[in-house]
Amino acid sequence: MNKKKIILIAVIVLIAVLVIVGLIAVFGKKEQPESIVKTEISITDNKDNTKPELVVIQPSLKETQNASLSYLARMAAERLGTFTNQSGYLSISDLLPMMTQNMKNWVEETYLPKLKKDYPFNGLLYRVTSVSPVANIISQTENKATLVVENQRTEKYGDNEEKSFFQDLKLEFVKINNNWLIDGAYWQNKR
């Protein structure tokens, strides 16, 4: 085969693999964090003019676990950082099954009552939204992890203009029964 045919076959194989990976990602049964399903694909041209070789490199187990933990932290930060007084802060309550008992107690007995006191629904809407694109693992052992999640937040109260700001959230996780649970959440200073 000549070199043009080899390159054409390699491109066709690459496109087919990308289509298959895309279909699996779209129609797969379990939604997974974006970084877990990434694979590295390379096509090498053999010097002896045989068929090109397709190499697929899967992420390691540790990379997959770190990506899962990072995804969990980003999702938790968005829910902890997005709420309204009109909805009774339900997005925060939705996270209770993902928390340790100590964290649940703090949320139910301290954090939610403080939010409800500071921003009661008296006809004026108080809304905060949070987008959490990046989570950095600060420390991790087999059963504990600390991550800092970068958040872009937007706050609106009544008829006032929206205010946007950045605010990191430090999250502590513990692994119980092979599941990572939130054990601490600490909003850092706005910037």
C-alpha atoms as a PDB file:
ATOM      1  CA  MET A   1       0.000   0.000   0.000  1.00  0.00           C
ATOM      2  CA  ASN A   2       1.150   3.476  -0.619  1.00  0.00           C
ATOM      3  CA  LYS A   3       1.464   6.083   2.093  1.00  0.00           C
ATOM      4  CA  LYS A   4      -1.685   8.014   1.038  1.00  0.00           C
ATOM      5  CA  LYS A   5      -3.859   4.901   1.412  1.00  0.00           C
ATOM      6  CA  ILE A   6      -2.359   4.157   4.830  1.00  0.00           C
ATOM      7  CA  ILE A   7      -3.073   7.683   6.011  1.00  0.00           C
ATOM      8  CA  LEU A   8      -6.624   7.517   4.595  1.00  0.00           C
ATOM      9  CA  ILE A   9      -7.270   4.214   6.401  1.00  0.00           C
ATOM     10  CA  ALA A  10      -5.812   5.636   9.599  1.00  0.00           C
ATOM     11  CA  VAL A  11      -8.084   8.684   9.400  1.00  0.00           C
ATOM     12  CA  ILE A  12     -11.141   6.481   8.744  1.00  0.00           C
ATOM     13  CA  VAL A  13     -10.265   4.244  11.703  1.00  0.00           C
ATOM     14  CA  LEU A  14      -9.756   7.289  13.936  1.00  0.00           C
ATOM     15  CA  ILE A  15     -13.109   8.775  12.916  1.00  0.00           C
ATOM     16  CA  ALA A  16     -14.849   5.427  13.504  1.00  0.00           C
ATOM     17  CA  VAL A  17     -13.305   5.133  16.974  1.00  0.00           C
ATOM     18  CA  LEU A  18     -14.283   8.702  17.854  1.00  0.00           C
ATOM     19  CA  VAL A  19     -17.862   8.089  16.661  1.00  0.00           C
ATOM     20  CA  ILE A  20     -18.084   4.888  18.731  1.00  0.00           C
ATOM     21  CA  VAL A  21     -16.672   6.620  21.827  1.00  0.00           C
ATOM     22  CA  GLY A  22     -19.134   9.482  21.271  1.00  0.00           C
ATOM     23  CA  LEU A  23     -22.073   7.100  20.957  1.00  0.00           C
ATOM     24  CA  ILE A  24     -21.053   5.277  24.115  1.00  0.00           C
ATOM     25  CA  ALA A  25     -20.778   8.597  25.970  1.00  0.00           C
ATOM     26  CA  VAL A  26     -24.183   9.786  24.726  1.00  0.00           C
ATOM     27  CA  PHE A  27     -26.107   6.530  25.068  1.00  0.00           C
ATOM     28  CA  GLY A  28     -24.192   4.930  27.940  1.00  0.00           C
ATOM     29  CA  LYS A  29     -26.316   3.921  30.919  1.00  0.00           C
ATOM     30  CA  LYS A  30     -24.279   5.681  33.607  1.00  0.00           C
ATOM     31  CA  GLU A  31     -23.282   9.312  33.358  1.00  0.00           C
ATOM     32  CA  GLN A  32     -19.625   9.706  34.252  1.00  0.00           C
ATOM     33  CA  PRO A  33     -17.496  12.750  34.786  1.00  0.00           C
ATOM     34  CA  GLU A  34     -16.032  14.048  31.563  1.00  0.00           C
ATOM     35  CA  SER A  35     -12.435  13.400  32.584  1.00  0.00           C
ATOM     36  CA  ILE A  36     -13.076   9.711  33.313  1.00  0.00           C
ATOM     37  CA  VAL A  37     -14.130   8.802  29.774  1.00  0.00           C
ATOM     38  CA  LYS A  38     -11.211  10.522  28.076  1.00  0.00           C
ATOM     39  CA  THR A  39      -8.855   8.225  26.224  1.00  0.00           C
ATOM     40  CA  GLU A  40      -5.746   8.925  24.275  1.00  0.00           C
ATOM     41  CA  ILE A  41      -5.779   7.602  20.725  1.00  0.00           C
ATOM     42  CA  SER A  42      -2.788   7.533  18.458  1.00  0.00           C
ATOM     43  CA  ILE A  43      -2.194   5.979  15.073  1.00  0.00           C
ATOM     44  CA  THR A  44       1.300   5.007  14.152  1.00  0.00           C
ATOM     45  CA  ASP A  45       2.553   4.435  10.632  1.00  0.00           C
ATOM     46  CA  ASN A  46       4.608   1.260  10.497  1.00  0.00           C
ATOM     47  CA  LYS A  47       7.772   1.502   8.456  1.00  0.00           C
ATOM     48  CA  ASP A  48       7.138  -1.830   6.704  1.00  0.00           C
ATOM     49  CA  ASN A  49       3.964  -0.533   4.959  1.00  0.00           C
ATOM     50  CA  THR A  50       1.607  -2.791   6.943  1.00  0.00           C
ATOM     51  CA  LYS A  51      -1.687  -1.614   8.400  1.00  0.00           C
ATOM     52  CA  PRO A  52      -1.474   1.309  10.804  1.00  0.00           C
ATOM     53  CA  GLU A  53      -1.623   0.373  14.459  1.00  0.00           C
ATOM     54  CA  LEU A  54      -4.334   1.885  16.686  1.00  0.00           C
ATOM     55  CA  VAL A  55      -3.308   2.426  20.305  1.00  0.00           C
ATOM     56  CA  VAL A  56      -5.896   3.318  22.987  1.00  0.00           C
ATOM     57  CA  ILE A  57      -4.551   4.322  26.388  1.00  0.00           C
ATOM     58  CA  GLN A  58      -7.045   4.182  29.279  1.00  0.00           C
ATOM     59  CA  PRO A  59      -6.600   6.334  32.394  1.00  0.00           C
ATOM     60  CA  SER A  60      -5.175   4.627  35.485  1.00  0.00           C
ATOM     61  CA  LEU A  61      -7.389   3.652  38.427  1.00  0.00           C
ATOM     62  CA  LYS A  62      -5.949   6.511  40.522  1.00  0.00           C
ATOM     63  CA  GLU A  63      -6.629   9.047  37.756  1.00  0.00           C
ATOM     64  CA  THR A  64     -10.193   7.744  37.480  1.00  0.00           C
ATOM     65  CA  GLN A  65     -10.722   7.952  41.259  1.00  0.00           C
ATOM     66  CA  ASN A  66      -9.264  11.479  41.388  1.00  0.00           C
ATOM     67  CA  ALA A  67     -11.512  12.524  38.502  1.00  0.00           C
ATOM     68  CA  SER A  68     -14.545  11.086  40.314  1.00  0.00           C
ATOM     69  CA  LEU A  69     -13.642  12.900  43.529  1.00  0.00           C
ATOM     70  CA  SER A  70     -13.040  16.131  41.625  1.00  0.00           C
ATOM     71  CA  TYR A  71     -16.408  15.775  39.867  1.00  0.00           C
ATOM     72  CA  LEU A  72     -18.135  15.115  43.204  1.00  0.00           C
ATOM     73  CA  ALA A  73     -16.505  18.205  44.753  1.00  0.00           C
ATOM     74  CA  ARG A  74     -17.496  20.452  41.829  1.00  0.00           C
ATOM     75  CA  MET A  75     -21.086  19.173  41.937  1.00  0.00           C
ATOM     76  CA  ALA A  76     -21.292  19.612  45.724  1.00  0.00           C
ATOM     77  CA  ALA A  77     -19.868  23.154  45.521  1.00  0.00           C
ATOM     78  CA  GLU A  78     -22.411  24.154  42.887  1.00  0.00           C
ATOM     79  CA  ARG A  79     -25.292  22.832  45.007  1.00  0.00           C
ATOM     80  CA  LEU A  80     -23.979  24.362  48.226  1.00  0.00           C
ATOM     81  CA  GLY A  81     -23.411  27.649  46.409  1.00  0.00           C
ATOM     82  CA  THR A  82     -26.659  27.860  44.423  1.00  0.00           C
ATOM     83  CA  PHE A  83     -29.903  28.540  46.260  1.00  0.00           C
ATOM     84  CA  THR A  84     -32.832  30.890  46.728  1.00  0.00           C
ATOM     85  CA  ASN A  85     -34.815  31.936  49.761  1.00  0.00           C
ATOM     86  CA  GLN A  86     -37.974  31.321  47.711  1.00  0.00           C
ATOM     87  CA  SER A  87     -37.242  27.586  47.358  1.00  0.00           C
ATOM     88  CA  GLY A  88     -36.350  27.162  51.023  1.00  0.00           C
ATOM     89  CA  TYR A  89     -32.705  26.395  50.173  1.00  0.00           C
ATOM     90  CA  LEU A  90     -33.646  22.969  48.741  1.00  0.00           C
ATOM     91  CA  SER A  91     -30.432  22.585  46.725  1.00  0.00           C
ATOM     92  CA  ILE A  92     -28.501  22.433  49.993  1.00  0.00           C
ATOM     93  CA  SER A  93     -30.953  19.970  51.548  1.00  0.00           C
ATOM     94  CA  ASP A  94     -30.601  17.770  48.445  1.00  0.00           C
ATOM     95  CA  LEU A  95     -26.964  17.176  49.436  1.00  0.00           C
ATOM     96  CA  LEU A  96     -27.787  15.697  52.861  1.00  0.00           C
ATOM     97  CA  PRO A  97     -27.481  12.047  51.656  1.00  0.00           C
ATOM     98  CA  MET A  98     -23.923  12.860  50.511  1.00  0.00           C
ATOM     99  CA  MET A  99     -22.852  14.114  53.952  1.00  0.00           C
ATOM    100  CA  THR A 100     -21.518  12.538  57.124  1.00  0.00           C
ATOM    101  CA  GLN A 101     -23.816  12.711  60.160  1.00  0.00           C
ATOM    102  CA  ASN A 102     -21.740  15.545  61.686  1.00  0.00           C
ATOM    103  CA  MET A 103     -22.004  17.568  58.476  1.00  0.00           C
ATOM    104  CA  LYS A 104     -25.766  16.920  58.229  1.00  0.00           C
ATOM    105  CA  ASN A 105     -26.212  18.101  61.808  1.00  0.00           C
ATOM    106  CA  TRP A 106     -24.258  21.309  61.127  1.00  0.00           C
ATOM    107  CA  VAL A 107     -26.242  22.023  57.921  1.00  0.00           C
ATOM    108  CA  GLU A 108     -29.630  21.371  59.537  1.00  0.00           C
ATOM    109  CA  GLU A 109     -28.959  22.987  62.920  1.00  0.00           C
ATOM    110  CA  THR A 110     -26.638  25.888  62.050  1.00  0.00           C
ATOM    111  CA  TYR A 111     -26.148  26.692  58.356  1.00  0.00           C
ATOM    112  CA  LEU A 112     -29.732  26.526  57.025  1.00  0.00           C
ATOM    113  CA  PRO A 113     -31.265  28.332  60.037  1.00  0.00           C
ATOM    114  CA  LYS A 114     -28.676  31.131  59.627  1.00  0.00           C
ATOM    115  CA  LEU A 115     -29.461  31.509  55.903  1.00  0.00           C
ATOM    116  CA  LYS A 116     -33.198  31.527  56.619  1.00  0.00           C
ATOM    117  CA  LYS A 117     -32.707  34.177  59.318  1.00  0.00           C
ATOM    118  CA  ASP A 118     -30.380  36.360  57.224  1.00  0.00           C
ATOM    119  CA  TYR A 119     -32.466  36.076  54.021  1.00  0.00           C
ATOM    120  CA  PRO A 120     -36.082  35.285  54.926  1.00  0.00           C
ATOM    121  CA  PHE A 121     -38.586  35.129  52.106  1.00  0.00           C
ATOM    122  CA  ASN A 122     -40.596  38.242  52.801  1.00  0.00           C
ATOM    123  CA  GLY A 123     -41.475  39.018  49.206  1.00  0.00           C
ATOM    124  CA  LEU A 124     -37.900  39.843  48.201  1.00  0.00           C
ATOM    125  CA  LEU A 125     -36.073  37.174  46.264  1.00  0.00           C
ATOM    126  CA  TYR A 126     -32.544  36.346  47.374  1.00  0.00           C
ATOM    127  CA  ARG A 127     -30.680  34.185  44.869  1.00  0.00           C
ATOM    128  CA  VAL A 128     -27.102  32.996  44.615  1.00  0.00           C
ATOM    129  CA  THR A 129     -25.827  30.938  41.702  1.00  0.00           C
ATOM    130  CA  SER A 130     -22.485  29.209  41.566  1.00  0.00           C
ATOM    131  CA  VAL A 131     -20.499  27.732  38.706  1.00  0.00           C
ATOM    132  CA  SER A 132     -17.649  25.476  39.801  1.00  0.00           C
ATOM    133  CA  PRO A 133     -15.374  24.604  36.893  1.00  0.00           C
ATOM    134  CA  VAL A 134     -12.215  23.594  38.779  1.00  0.00           C
ATOM    135  CA  ALA A 135     -11.519  21.428  41.826  1.00  0.00           C
ATOM    136  CA  ASN A 136      -7.967  20.993  43.079  1.00  0.00           C
ATOM    137  CA  ILE A 137      -7.016  18.093  45.315  1.00  0.00           C
ATOM    138  CA  ILE A 138      -4.986  19.568  48.187  1.00  0.00           C
ATOM    139  CA  SER A 139      -4.419  16.347  50.108  1.00  0.00           C
ATOM    140  CA  GLN A 140      -5.631  12.789  49.829  1.00  0.00           C
ATOM    141  CA  THR A 141      -5.193   9.538  51.688  1.00  0.00           C
ATOM    142  CA  GLU A 142      -7.079   6.299  51.264  1.00  0.00           C
ATOM    143  CA  ASN A 143      -9.986   7.511  53.446  1.00  0.00           C
ATOM    144  CA  LYS A 144      -9.705  11.329  53.575  1.00  0.00           C
ATOM    145  CA  ALA A 145      -9.416  14.072  51.009  1.00  0.00           C
ATOM    146  CA  THR A 146      -9.366  17.859  50.982  1.00  0.00           C
ATOM    147  CA  LEU A 147     -10.190  19.785  47.832  1.00  0.00           C
ATOM    148  CA  VAL A 148     -10.531  23.463  47.011  1.00  0.00           C
ATOM    149  CA  VAL A 149     -13.189  24.260  44.436  1.00  0.00           C
ATOM    150  CA  GLU A 150     -13.000  27.510  42.475  1.00  0.00           C
ATOM    151  CA  ASN A 151     -16.424  29.149  42.133  1.00  0.00           C
ATOM    152  CA  GLN A 152     -17.783  32.040  40.157  1.00  0.00           C
ATOM    153  CA  ARG A 153     -20.858  33.212  42.039  1.00  0.00           C
ATOM    154  CA  THR A 154     -23.619  35.686  41.259  1.00  0.00           C
ATOM    155  CA  GLU A 155     -25.808  37.162  43.986  1.00  0.00           C
ATOM    156  CA  LYS A 156     -29.127  38.997  43.613  1.00  0.00           C
ATOM    157  CA  TYR A 157     -31.303  40.448  46.352  1.00  0.00           C
ATOM    158  CA  GLY A 158     -34.673  42.009  45.533  1.00  0.00           C
ATOM    159  CA  ASP A 159     -34.451  44.686  42.846  1.00  0.00           C
ATOM    160  CA  ASN A 160     -30.731  45.304  43.353  1.00  0.00           C
ATOM    161  CA  GLU A 161     -28.324  44.638  40.522  1.00  0.00           C
ATOM    162  CA  GLU A 162     -26.605  41.267  40.389  1.00  0.00           C
ATOM    163  CA  LYS A 163     -23.157  41.134  41.931  1.00  0.00           C
ATOM    164  CA  SER A 164     -20.597  38.656  40.606  1.00  0.00           C
ATOM    165  CA  PHE A 165     -17.602  37.515  42.574  1.00  0.00           C
ATOM    166  CA  PHE A 166     -15.190  34.618  42.961  1.00  0.00           C
ATOM    167  CA  GLN A 167     -15.180  32.503  46.098  1.00  0.00           C
ATOM    168  CA  ASP A 168     -13.356  29.251  46.725  1.00  0.00           C
ATOM    169  CA  LEU A 169     -14.905  26.471  48.789  1.00  0.00           C
ATOM    170  CA  LYS A 170     -12.705  24.120  50.788  1.00  0.00           C
ATOM    171  CA  LEU A 171     -14.359  20.691  51.033  1.00  0.00           C
ATOM    172  CA  GLU A 172     -13.292  17.831  53.267  1.00  0.00           C
ATOM    173  CA  PHE A 173     -14.347  14.300  52.375  1.00  0.00           C
ATOM    174  CA  VAL A 174     -14.150  11.005  54.236  1.00  0.00           C
ATOM    175  CA  LYS A 175     -14.644   7.599  52.699  1.00  0.00           C
ATOM    176  CA  ILE A 176     -17.292   5.524  54.469  1.00  0.00           C
ATOM    177  CA  ASN A 177     -18.403   2.152  53.063  1.00  0.00           C
ATOM    178  CA  ASN A 178     -16.418   2.918  49.897  1.00  0.00           C
ATOM    179  CA  ASN A 179     -18.322   6.205  49.311  1.00  0.00           C
ATOM    180  CA  TRP A 180     -16.865   9.694  49.580  1.00  0.00           C
ATOM    181  CA  LEU A 181     -19.019  11.824  51.920  1.00  0.00           C
ATOM    182  CA  ILE A 182     -18.749  15.544  52.644  1.00  0.00           C
ATOM    183  CA  ASP A 183     -17.409  16.057  56.150  1.00  0.00           C
ATOM    184  CA  GLY A 184     -16.684  19.789  56.056  1.00  0.00           C
ATOM    185  CA  ALA A 185     -17.378  22.828  53.869  1.00  0.00           C
ATOM    186  CA  TYR A 186     -15.627  26.159  54.362  1.00  0.00           C
ATOM    187  CA  TRP A 187     -16.309  29.191  52.167  1.00  0.00           C
ATOM    188  CA  GLN A 188     -13.180  31.261  51.689  1.00  0.00           C
ATOM    189  CA  ASN A 189     -13.070  35.072  51.377  1.00  0.00           C
ATOM    190  CA  LYS A 190     -14.763  36.629  48.350  1.00  0.00           C
ATOM    191  CA  ARG A 191     -12.482  38.121  45.751  1.00  0.00           C
END
